[in-house]
Protein backbone atom coordinates (compact mmCIF):
# COMPACT_ATOMS: atom_id res chain seq x y z
CA MET A 1 157.19 102.55 151.78
CA THR A 2 157.43 106.08 149.96
CA GLN A 3 156.61 106.74 145.85
CA SER A 4 158.91 106.49 143.12
CA LYS A 5 157.85 109.70 141.92
CA ALA A 6 160.66 109.17 138.47
CA LEU A 7 159.58 109.13 135.57
CA LYS A 8 160.03 105.69 133.27
CA ILE A 9 160.91 104.93 129.38
CA ILE A 10 158.93 103.14 128.77
CA ASP A 11 158.19 100.64 124.99
CA THR A 12 155.66 101.87 123.00
CA ASN A 13 155.62 98.71 121.36
CA THR A 14 153.67 96.96 123.73
CA TYR A 15 151.10 99.86 122.84
CA ALA A 16 149.27 98.02 119.79
CA VAL A 17 146.89 101.57 119.32
CA LEU A 18 150.00 103.19 118.77
CA GLN A 19 151.69 101.19 115.87
CA PRO A 20 152.17 102.55 112.52
CA GLY A 21 149.82 101.41 110.33
CA ASN A 22 147.45 100.81 113.04
CA ASP A 23 143.85 100.81 111.97
CA ALA A 24 142.01 100.97 115.26
CA LEU A 25 140.56 104.37 114.31
CA THR A 26 139.10 102.78 111.04
CA ILE A 27 137.48 99.74 112.26
CA LEU A 28 135.55 101.73 115.20
CA GLU A 29 134.27 104.69 113.04
CA ASP A 30 132.93 101.78 111.09
CA THR A 31 130.73 100.11 114.09
CA LEU A 32 128.73 103.83 115.10
CA ALA A 33 126.45 104.28 113.18
CA PRO A 34 125.68 107.51 111.66
CA GLY A 35 126.28 110.89 113.18
CA GLU A 36 126.71 108.66 115.88
CA GLN A 37 129.98 109.68 118.45
CA LEU A 38 131.93 108.85 121.57
CA ASP A 39 132.04 111.56 124.21
CA VAL A 40 133.62 110.82 127.71
CA PHE A 41 130.86 109.15 128.85
CA SER A 42 131.51 106.36 126.45
CA LEU A 43 134.29 105.49 128.06
CA PRO A 44 135.46 102.91 130.44
CA CYS A 45 136.19 104.03 133.52
CA ILE A 46 138.88 103.10 136.25
CA LYS A 47 137.13 103.28 140.09
CA ALA A 48 139.38 105.01 142.64
CA PRO A 49 139.41 102.77 145.92
CA ALA A 50 136.05 103.45 148.46
CA GLY A 51 137.75 104.58 152.15
CA GLY A 52 140.13 102.78 153.44
CA GLY A 53 140.65 100.37 150.48
CA GLY A 54 144.19 99.45 148.83
CA THR A 55 142.89 98.45 144.97
CA TRP A 56 141.35 100.25 142.30
CA GLU A 57 138.51 98.58 140.22
CA LEU A 58 139.31 98.30 136.54
CA PRO A 59 136.97 97.91 133.50
CA ASN A 60 137.63 94.56 133.22
CA GLY A 61 136.08 93.73 137.03
CA GLU A 62 139.45 93.12 138.03
CA SER A 63 141.61 94.36 140.80
CA ALA A 64 144.75 96.18 140.62
CA LYS A 65 147.33 97.47 143.49
CA GLU A 66 149.03 99.87 141.09
CA ILE A 67 147.73 101.29 137.56
CA GLN A 68 150.87 101.78 135.03
CA ALA A 69 149.52 103.49 132.29
CA ILE A 70 150.55 106.34 128.97
CA VAL A 71 148.57 109.88 130.30
CA LEU A 72 147.20 110.67 127.24
CA HIS A 73 144.78 113.70 128.46
CA ARG A 74 144.57 115.76 131.20
CA GLN A 75 140.74 117.62 132.07
CA VAL A 76 139.96 119.54 135.07
CA VAL A 77 136.26 119.44 135.36
CA ARG A 78 133.88 121.23 138.23
CA ALA A 79 130.67 119.96 139.99
CA TYR A 80 127.98 120.90 142.05
CA TRP A 81 124.94 119.70 144.19
CA GLY A 82 123.06 121.77 145.67
CA ALA A 83 121.26 119.45 147.60
CA SER A 84 123.56 116.56 149.48
CA PHE A 85 123.91 113.03 148.60
CA GLU A 86 121.67 112.06 151.49
CA GLU A 87 119.01 114.73 150.83
CA SER A 88 119.10 113.73 146.89
CA GLY A 89 119.63 110.08 147.24
CA GLY A 90 122.26 110.67 144.36
CA GLY A 91 121.74 109.38 140.27
CA SER A 92 121.29 113.74 139.35
CA PRO A 93 122.69 116.08 137.33
CA PRO A 94 124.58 118.86 139.04
CA ASP A 95 122.77 122.23 139.62
CA CYS A 96 125.98 123.61 137.66
CA SER A 97 128.31 122.65 135.93
CA SER A 98 132.08 123.34 134.19
CA MET A 99 134.37 121.46 131.48
CA ASP A 100 136.87 123.78 131.98
CA ALA A 101 136.84 124.75 135.18
CA ILE A 102 136.76 128.18 134.20
CA ILE A 103 133.18 129.39 133.36
CA GLY A 104 130.17 127.27 135.06
CA GLU A 105 126.50 126.75 133.28
CA GLY A 106 123.40 125.70 135.50
CA ASP A 107 122.75 127.30 138.48
CA PRO A 108 124.08 129.47 139.66
CA GLY A 109 126.55 129.32 136.35
CA GLY A 110 128.78 131.94 135.79
CA VAL A 111 132.77 132.46 136.22
CA CYS A 112 134.09 130.04 138.41
CA ARG A 113 136.81 131.57 139.86
CA PHE A 114 134.70 134.26 141.39
CA CYS A 115 131.49 132.07 142.37
CA PRO A 116 130.87 131.73 146.08
CA ASN A 117 130.35 127.95 146.39
CA ASN A 118 134.18 128.01 144.84
CA ALA A 119 135.22 129.55 148.27
CA TRP A 120 136.10 126.99 151.01
CA GLY A 121 133.80 127.19 154.16
CA SER A 122 131.07 126.72 151.48
CA GLY A 123 130.76 123.23 151.35
CA LYS A 124 130.82 120.43 154.09
CA ASP A 125 134.03 120.12 157.04
CA ASN A 126 134.96 123.70 155.68
CA GLY A 127 135.82 121.78 152.01
CA LYS A 128 134.11 124.08 148.31
CA ALA A 129 130.72 122.89 147.83
CA CYS A 130 131.26 123.31 144.04
CA ARG A 131 133.60 119.68 143.60
CA GLN A 132 136.77 119.75 141.34
CA ILE A 133 137.41 116.77 140.00
CA THR A 134 140.59 115.79 137.51
CA ARG A 135 140.13 113.45 134.26
CA LEU A 136 142.67 111.77 133.07
CA PHE A 137 142.68 109.45 129.82
CA LEU A 138 144.87 107.07 130.56
CA LEU A 139 146.67 104.48 127.39
CA PHE A 140 146.73 100.44 128.35
CA PRO A 141 148.79 98.70 126.07
CA ASP A 142 145.55 96.03 125.31
CA SER A 143 143.58 99.58 124.56
CA ILE A 144 141.97 100.44 122.24
CA LEU A 145 139.97 103.39 123.42
CA PRO A 146 141.18 105.58 126.89
CA VAL A 147 140.04 104.86 130.10
CA LEU A 148 138.45 107.86 131.92
CA LEU A 149 139.89 107.52 135.82
CA SER A 150 138.86 110.59 137.56
CA LEU A 151 140.20 111.88 141.06
CA PRO A 152 139.09 114.19 143.55
CA PRO A 153 140.96 116.88 144.80
CA SER A 154 142.84 115.68 147.83
CA SER A 155 144.98 113.27 145.64
CA PHE A 156 145.51 115.53 142.68
CA LYS A 157 149.02 116.46 144.42
CA VAL A 158 148.99 113.24 144.92
CA VAL A 159 149.19 111.75 141.48
CA MET A 160 150.66 114.06 139.46
CA ALA A 161 153.49 115.54 141.13
CA PRO A 162 156.31 114.01 139.67
CA GLU A 163 160.31 116.05 139.70
CA PRO A 164 160.18 117.87 137.80
CA PRO A 165 156.21 118.62 137.12
CA VAL A 166 155.45 117.15 133.54
CA LEU A 167 151.98 118.40 132.64
CA SER A 168 152.91 119.59 129.35
CA LEU A 169 150.42 117.12 127.53
CA PRO A 170 150.00 115.19 124.90
CA ALA A 171 153.59 113.56 126.21
CA VAL A 172 154.82 110.06 126.45
CA LEU A 173 154.08 110.21 130.04
CA LEU A 174 153.92 106.88 131.99
CA ILE A 175 152.13 107.54 135.14
CA VAL A 176 152.58 104.87 138.25
CA VAL A 177 149.40 105.60 140.79
CA GLN A 178 149.16 103.26 143.87
CA ALA A 179 145.68 102.73 145.37
CA GLU A 180 146.82 102.76 148.90
CA PHE A 181 148.32 106.74 148.13
CA ILE A 182 145.06 107.20 147.66
CA SER A 183 142.47 104.66 149.82
CA SER A 184 141.66 107.40 152.03
CA VAL A 185 139.59 109.17 149.54
CA PRO A 186 136.05 108.80 149.77
CA PRO A 187 134.17 106.54 146.54
CA LEU A 188 133.37 108.63 142.91
């Protein structure tokens, strides 16, 4: 099967939140307590296919072989855990992280570009010990909030490789992601 890299023109009229006069933001602001804010961890998430799997797990619990959504924003972040998942049992925050993939905070912290944990061979199977994660914030026709899709570096080129490259966001870019193209990546 070949992957289509053609960009598609979409009808934004099918996206309720993009319509003039839509009061979704006002309603959302009214439901938050004073001082309460939404952050990336408040957003619904799509789970990537587990190794060998051929479907995405959507926030509503359904599975899909393909995702079609508007890319609102792309964010590259980094995270480093000194102890492996097997050693720690998982669930612990990273020892060092970077919300911009430029400056790490924690241990060791500093400029990510020069960090020894960002060097090939510093991690498992000759990879990098510091994990680069690409977050895509997606809008679906029935969504009010963006949906978060976190991708490991092994799938980034597959997902974001239209011809010609279109990464200047925000733009109305429809992305079609088929699960079979990243089914070999480990679950997030």
